[in-house]
Amino acid sequence: MTVTIYHNPRCSKSRRTLALLEERGTAPTVVEYLKTPPSKDELKAILKKLGLKPQDIVRKCEACYKDIGLKVGTASDDELVTLMAENPILIERPIVVAGDKAAIGRPPESVLAIL
């Protein structure tokens, strides 16, 4: 099974999640999503695997979120996916995808359930 982590090396939770995967013998494909953002279609596929809506994975504490003027519930799902694709800093991290399942590594141990 292929395992992919959407990773931000500056984030402690992301680093801990990657280390946890490696400690468990998993060698994930690492996507530094700030350098290589997922497309809108990739984000939609990830959301489906997570079983979440776009608003559930938007980082509302980011300056970019405030600068754009977003408020919870004011943007449609498509608008949020577009904004996250254009501003990947808005995507919650880390996200681990394993086959047809995905999990957010907050806490890092939560990704173990999909392996």
N, C-alpha and C. Protein backbone atom coordinates (compact mmCIF):
# COMPACT_ATOMS: atom_id res chain seq x y z
N MET A 1 0.85 -1.18 0.00
CA MET A 1 0.00 0.00 0.00
C MET A 1 0.89 1.24 0.00
N THR A 2 0.56 2.19 -0.86
CA THR A 2 1.29 3.44 -0.93
C THR A 2 0.79 4.38 0.16
N VAL A 3 1.73 4.97 0.87
CA VAL A 3 1.40 5.95 1.91
C VAL A 3 2.04 7.27 1.52
N THR A 4 1.25 8.33 1.58
CA THR A 4 1.73 9.67 1.25
C THR A 4 1.45 10.59 2.43
N ILE A 5 2.42 11.42 2.76
CA ILE A 5 2.22 12.43 3.79
C ILE A 5 2.35 13.80 3.15
N TYR A 6 1.33 14.62 3.33
CA TYR A 6 1.38 16.02 2.93
C TYR A 6 1.99 16.75 4.11
N HIS A 7 3.22 17.17 3.93
CA HIS A 7 4.13 17.51 5.01
C HIS A 7 4.62 18.95 4.93
N ASN A 8 4.74 19.56 6.09
CA ASN A 8 5.40 20.86 6.22
C ASN A 8 6.53 20.66 7.22
N PRO A 9 7.78 20.65 6.76
CA PRO A 9 8.90 20.37 7.66
C PRO A 9 9.07 21.39 8.78
N ARG A 10 8.44 22.54 8.67
CA ARG A 10 8.54 23.54 9.74
C ARG A 10 7.52 23.30 10.86
N CYS A 11 6.61 22.37 10.66
CA CYS A 11 5.55 22.08 11.63
C CYS A 11 5.95 20.90 12.51
N SER A 12 5.91 21.10 13.82
CA SER A 12 6.32 20.04 14.74
C SER A 12 5.41 18.82 14.65
N LYS A 13 4.11 19.02 14.49
CA LYS A 13 3.18 17.88 14.37
C LYS A 13 3.46 17.09 13.10
N SER A 14 3.80 17.79 12.04
CA SER A 14 4.10 17.13 10.78
C SER A 14 5.40 16.33 10.91
N ARG A 15 6.41 16.91 11.54
CA ARG A 15 7.67 16.20 11.74
C ARG A 15 7.46 14.98 12.62
N ARG A 16 6.65 15.12 13.67
CA ARG A 16 6.39 13.98 14.57
C ARG A 16 5.61 12.88 13.86
N THR A 17 4.67 13.26 13.02
CA THR A 17 3.89 12.27 12.28
C THR A 17 4.78 11.51 11.30
N LEU A 18 5.65 12.22 10.59
CA LEU A 18 6.58 11.57 9.67
C LEU A 18 7.50 10.61 10.42
N ALA A 19 8.02 11.06 11.56
CA ALA A 19 8.90 10.20 12.37
C ALA A 19 8.16 8.97 12.85
N LEU A 20 6.91 9.13 13.26
CA LEU A 20 6.11 8.00 13.73
C LEU A 20 5.91 6.97 12.61
N LEU A 21 5.61 7.44 11.41
CA LEU A 21 5.45 6.53 10.27
C LEU A 21 6.74 5.76 10.02
N GLU A 22 7.85 6.48 10.03
CA GLU A 22 9.13 5.84 9.77
C GLU A 22 9.50 4.85 10.87
N GLU A 23 9.20 5.20 12.13
CA GLU A 23 9.46 4.28 13.26
C GLU A 23 8.66 2.99 13.10
N ARG A 24 7.49 3.07 12.49
CA ARG A 24 6.63 1.91 12.28
C ARG A 24 6.98 1.14 11.02
N GLY A 25 8.08 1.53 10.37
CA GLY A 25 8.53 0.82 9.18
C GLY A 25 7.88 1.26 7.89
N THR A 26 7.17 2.36 7.90
CA THR A 26 6.54 2.88 6.70
C THR A 26 7.44 3.94 6.09
N ALA A 27 7.69 3.82 4.82
CA ALA A 27 8.49 4.81 4.08
C ALA A 27 7.55 5.58 3.17
N PRO A 28 6.92 6.62 3.69
CA PRO A 28 5.91 7.32 2.91
C PRO A 28 6.53 8.19 1.80
N THR A 29 5.72 8.45 0.80
CA THR A 29 6.06 9.47 -0.17
C THR A 29 5.81 10.80 0.53
N VAL A 30 6.80 11.66 0.55
CA VAL A 30 6.67 12.94 1.24
C VAL A 30 6.40 14.03 0.21
N VAL A 31 5.26 14.70 0.39
CA VAL A 31 4.91 15.82 -0.47
C VAL A 31 4.96 17.07 0.39
N GLU A 32 5.94 17.91 0.12
CA GLU A 32 5.99 19.21 0.81
C GLU A 32 4.98 20.11 0.12
N TYR A 33 3.77 20.12 0.67
CA TYR A 33 2.63 20.70 -0.02
C TYR A 33 2.72 22.21 -0.20
N LEU A 34 3.59 22.88 0.55
CA LEU A 34 3.77 24.32 0.32
C LEU A 34 4.59 24.57 -0.95
N LYS A 35 5.46 23.62 -1.29
CA LYS A 35 6.26 23.71 -2.51
C LYS A 35 5.53 23.11 -3.70
N THR A 36 4.79 22.03 -3.44
CA THR A 36 4.06 21.31 -4.48
C THR A 36 2.61 21.14 -4.00
N PRO A 37 1.80 22.19 -4.14
CA PRO A 37 0.43 22.11 -3.62
C PRO A 37 -0.42 21.11 -4.38
N PRO A 38 -1.33 20.46 -3.67
CA PRO A 38 -2.27 19.58 -4.37
C PRO A 38 -3.22 20.41 -5.23
N SER A 39 -3.62 19.83 -6.35
CA SER A 39 -4.60 20.50 -7.23
C SER A 39 -5.97 20.46 -6.57
N LYS A 40 -6.90 21.17 -7.18
CA LYS A 40 -8.28 21.14 -6.67
C LYS A 40 -8.82 19.71 -6.69
N ASP A 41 -8.55 18.97 -7.77
CA ASP A 41 -9.04 17.60 -7.85
C ASP A 41 -8.38 16.71 -6.79
N GLU A 42 -7.09 16.91 -6.57
CA GLU A 42 -6.40 16.14 -5.52
C GLU A 42 -6.97 16.47 -4.14
N LEU A 43 -7.23 17.74 -3.89
CA LEU A 43 -7.83 18.13 -2.61
C LEU A 43 -9.21 17.49 -2.42
N LYS A 44 -10.00 17.49 -3.48
CA LYS A 44 -11.33 16.86 -3.38
C LYS A 44 -11.20 15.37 -3.09
N ALA A 45 -10.23 14.70 -3.71
CA ALA A 45 -10.02 13.27 -3.45
C ALA A 45 -9.56 13.04 -2.02
N ILE A 46 -8.68 13.90 -1.53
CA ILE A 46 -8.21 13.78 -0.14
C ILE A 46 -9.37 14.00 0.83
N LEU A 47 -10.18 15.01 0.58
CA LEU A 47 -11.33 15.27 1.44
C LEU A 47 -12.29 14.08 1.48
N LYS A 48 -12.50 13.46 0.33
CA LYS A 48 -13.38 12.28 0.28
C LYS A 48 -12.80 11.16 1.14
N LYS A 49 -11.49 10.94 1.05
CA LYS A 49 -10.85 9.89 1.85
C LYS A 49 -10.88 10.23 3.34
N LEU A 50 -10.79 11.52 3.66
CA LEU A 50 -10.88 11.95 5.05
C LEU A 50 -12.31 11.86 5.58
N GLY A 51 -13.28 11.95 4.67
CA GLY A 51 -14.68 12.00 5.08
C GLY A 51 -15.02 13.35 5.70
N LEU A 52 -14.33 14.41 5.22
CA LEU A 52 -14.52 15.75 5.78
C LEU A 52 -14.92 16.73 4.70
N LYS A 53 -15.38 17.88 5.13
CA LYS A 53 -15.71 18.99 4.24
C LYS A 53 -14.52 19.95 4.21
N PRO A 54 -14.41 20.76 3.17
CA PRO A 54 -13.29 21.71 3.09
C PRO A 54 -13.13 22.58 4.34
N GLN A 55 -14.23 23.04 4.90
CA GLN A 55 -14.13 23.90 6.09
C GLN A 55 -13.49 23.19 7.28
N ASP A 56 -13.50 21.84 7.26
CA ASP A 56 -12.93 21.07 8.36
C ASP A 56 -11.40 21.04 8.31
N ILE A 57 -10.81 21.35 7.15
CA ILE A 57 -9.35 21.28 7.05
C ILE A 57 -8.72 22.63 6.74
N VAL A 58 -9.49 23.70 6.85
CA VAL A 58 -8.95 25.04 6.63
C VAL A 58 -8.33 25.54 7.94
N ARG A 59 -7.09 26.00 7.85
CA ARG A 59 -6.40 26.56 9.01
C ARG A 59 -6.85 28.02 9.18
N LYS A 60 -7.78 28.19 10.11
CA LYS A 60 -8.39 29.50 10.30
C LYS A 60 -7.48 30.49 11.04
N CYS A 61 -6.42 29.99 11.64
CA CYS A 61 -5.52 30.88 12.40
C CYS A 61 -4.43 31.49 11.51
N GLU A 62 -4.36 31.10 10.25
CA GLU A 62 -3.34 31.64 9.36
C GLU A 62 -3.68 33.08 8.96
N ALA A 63 -2.64 33.90 8.86
CA ALA A 63 -2.83 35.29 8.45
C ALA A 63 -3.51 35.38 7.09
N CYS A 64 -3.18 34.44 6.20
CA CYS A 64 -3.76 34.40 4.87
C CYS A 64 -5.29 34.28 4.95
N TYR A 65 -5.77 33.48 5.86
CA TYR A 65 -7.22 33.29 6.05
C TYR A 65 -7.86 34.62 6.39
N LYS A 66 -7.24 35.34 7.31
CA LYS A 66 -7.77 36.64 7.73
C LYS A 66 -7.63 37.67 6.62
N ASP A 67 -6.50 37.65 5.91
CA ASP A 67 -6.26 38.61 4.83
C ASP A 67 -7.29 38.47 3.71
N ILE A 68 -7.68 37.24 3.42
CA ILE A 68 -8.67 36.98 2.37
C ILE A 68 -10.05 37.42 2.84
N GLY A 69 -10.24 37.49 4.15
CA GLY A 69 -11.52 37.91 4.70
C GLY A 69 -12.52 36.78 4.83
N LEU A 70 -12.02 35.57 4.94
CA LEU A 70 -12.92 34.42 5.08
C LEU A 70 -13.54 34.39 6.47
N LYS A 71 -14.75 33.88 6.51
CA LYS A 71 -15.42 33.62 7.77
C LYS A 71 -16.07 32.26 7.64
N VAL A 72 -16.08 31.52 8.72
CA VAL A 72 -16.67 30.19 8.70
C VAL A 72 -18.10 30.26 8.16
N GLY A 73 -18.37 29.41 7.19
CA GLY A 73 -19.73 29.32 6.65
C GLY A 73 -20.05 30.31 5.55
N THR A 74 -19.12 31.21 5.18
CA THR A 74 -19.43 32.19 4.15
C THR A 74 -19.00 31.76 2.76
N ALA A 75 -18.07 30.84 2.65
CA ALA A 75 -17.57 30.38 1.36
C ALA A 75 -18.14 29.00 1.05
N SER A 76 -18.41 28.75 -0.22
CA SER A 76 -18.89 27.42 -0.62
C SER A 76 -17.74 26.42 -0.57
N ASP A 77 -18.07 25.14 -0.65
CA ASP A 77 -17.04 24.10 -0.66
C ASP A 77 -16.08 24.32 -1.83
N ASP A 78 -16.62 24.61 -3.02
CA ASP A 78 -15.76 24.83 -4.19
C ASP A 78 -14.85 26.03 -4.00
N GLU A 79 -15.38 27.09 -3.42
CA GLU A 79 -14.55 28.28 -3.17
C GLU A 79 -13.42 27.95 -2.20
N LEU A 80 -13.72 27.20 -1.16
CA LEU A 80 -12.69 26.83 -0.19
C LEU A 80 -11.61 25.95 -0.82
N VAL A 81 -12.02 24.98 -1.63
CA VAL A 81 -11.05 24.10 -2.29
C VAL A 81 -10.16 24.94 -3.21
N THR A 82 -10.74 25.86 -3.95
CA THR A 82 -9.95 26.74 -4.82
C THR A 82 -8.97 27.57 -4.00
N LEU A 83 -9.44 28.14 -2.90
CA LEU A 83 -8.57 28.95 -2.05
C LEU A 83 -7.43 28.14 -1.45
N MET A 84 -7.72 26.91 -1.05
CA MET A 84 -6.66 26.06 -0.48
C MET A 84 -5.66 25.66 -1.56
N ALA A 85 -6.12 25.40 -2.78
CA ALA A 85 -5.21 25.06 -3.87
C ALA A 85 -4.30 26.24 -4.21
N GLU A 86 -4.87 27.44 -4.14
CA GLU A 86 -4.10 28.65 -4.44
C GLU A 86 -3.24 29.12 -3.27
N ASN A 87 -3.66 28.77 -2.05
CA ASN A 87 -2.97 29.19 -0.83
C ASN A 87 -2.78 27.97 0.07
N PRO A 88 -1.86 27.08 -0.26
CA PRO A 88 -1.74 25.81 0.46
C PRO A 88 -1.45 25.95 1.95
N ILE A 89 -0.99 27.11 2.39
CA ILE A 89 -0.77 27.34 3.82
C ILE A 89 -2.08 27.17 4.59
N LEU A 90 -3.21 27.29 3.90
CA LEU A 90 -4.52 27.16 4.54
C LEU A 90 -4.92 25.71 4.81
N ILE A 91 -4.16 24.74 4.27
CA ILE A 91 -4.51 23.33 4.44
C ILE A 91 -3.96 22.82 5.77
N GLU A 92 -4.83 22.19 6.55
CA GLU A 92 -4.41 21.58 7.83
C GLU A 92 -3.33 20.56 7.55
N ARG A 93 -2.43 20.43 8.49
CA ARG A 93 -1.30 19.53 8.31
C ARG A 93 -1.03 18.74 9.57
N PRO A 94 -0.38 17.63 9.40
CA PRO A 94 -0.12 16.89 8.17
C PRO A 94 -1.32 16.03 7.81
N ILE A 95 -1.42 15.69 6.56
CA ILE A 95 -2.44 14.74 6.11
C ILE A 95 -1.70 13.52 5.57
N VAL A 96 -2.11 12.35 6.03
CA VAL A 96 -1.53 11.10 5.57
C VAL A 96 -2.61 10.35 4.79
N VAL A 97 -2.25 9.90 3.59
CA VAL A 97 -3.15 9.13 2.74
C VAL A 97 -2.56 7.74 2.58
N ALA A 98 -3.38 6.74 2.85
CA ALA A 98 -2.97 5.34 2.70
C ALA A 98 -4.09 4.60 1.97
N GLY A 99 -3.85 4.31 0.70
CA GLY A 99 -4.89 3.64 -0.09
C GLY A 99 -6.10 4.53 -0.23
N ASP A 100 -7.27 4.01 0.18
CA ASP A 100 -8.50 4.79 0.06
C ASP A 100 -8.90 5.47 1.36
N LYS A 101 -7.94 5.60 2.28
CA LYS A 101 -8.20 6.24 3.57
C LYS A 101 -7.21 7.37 3.78
N ALA A 102 -7.59 8.31 4.63
CA ALA A 102 -6.71 9.41 4.98
C ALA A 102 -6.99 9.84 6.41
N ALA A 103 -6.00 10.48 7.02
CA ALA A 103 -6.15 10.99 8.39
C ALA A 103 -5.28 12.22 8.56
N ILE A 104 -5.72 13.08 9.44
CA ILE A 104 -4.94 14.26 9.81
C ILE A 104 -4.12 13.88 11.04
N GLY A 105 -2.84 14.19 11.01
CA GLY A 105 -1.94 13.83 12.10
C GLY A 105 -1.99 14.77 13.28
N ARG A 106 -3.16 14.99 13.82
CA ARG A 106 -3.34 15.82 15.00
C ARG A 106 -4.27 15.07 15.95
N PRO A 107 -3.74 14.34 16.88
CA PRO A 107 -2.34 14.12 17.19
C PRO A 107 -1.72 13.15 16.17
N PRO A 108 -0.39 13.09 16.14
CA PRO A 108 0.29 12.22 15.17
C PRO A 108 -0.19 10.77 15.19
N GLU A 109 -0.52 10.25 16.35
CA GLU A 109 -0.93 8.85 16.48
C GLU A 109 -2.24 8.55 15.75
N SER A 110 -3.01 9.59 15.43
CA SER A 110 -4.30 9.34 14.75
C SER A 110 -4.13 8.72 13.37
N VAL A 111 -2.95 8.86 12.77
CA VAL A 111 -2.73 8.27 11.44
C VAL A 111 -2.54 6.77 11.49
N LEU A 112 -2.24 6.23 12.64
CA LEU A 112 -2.00 4.80 12.75
C LEU A 112 -3.24 3.98 12.41
N ALA A 113 -4.41 4.56 12.62
CA ALA A 113 -5.67 3.84 12.37
C ALA A 113 -5.88 3.52 10.90
N ILE A 114 -5.21 4.24 9.99
CA ILE A 114 -5.43 4.00 8.56
C ILE A 114 -4.36 3.11 7.94
N LEU A 115 -3.36 2.72 8.72
CA LEU A 115 -2.27 1.91 8.17
C LEU A 115 -2.60 0.43 8.21
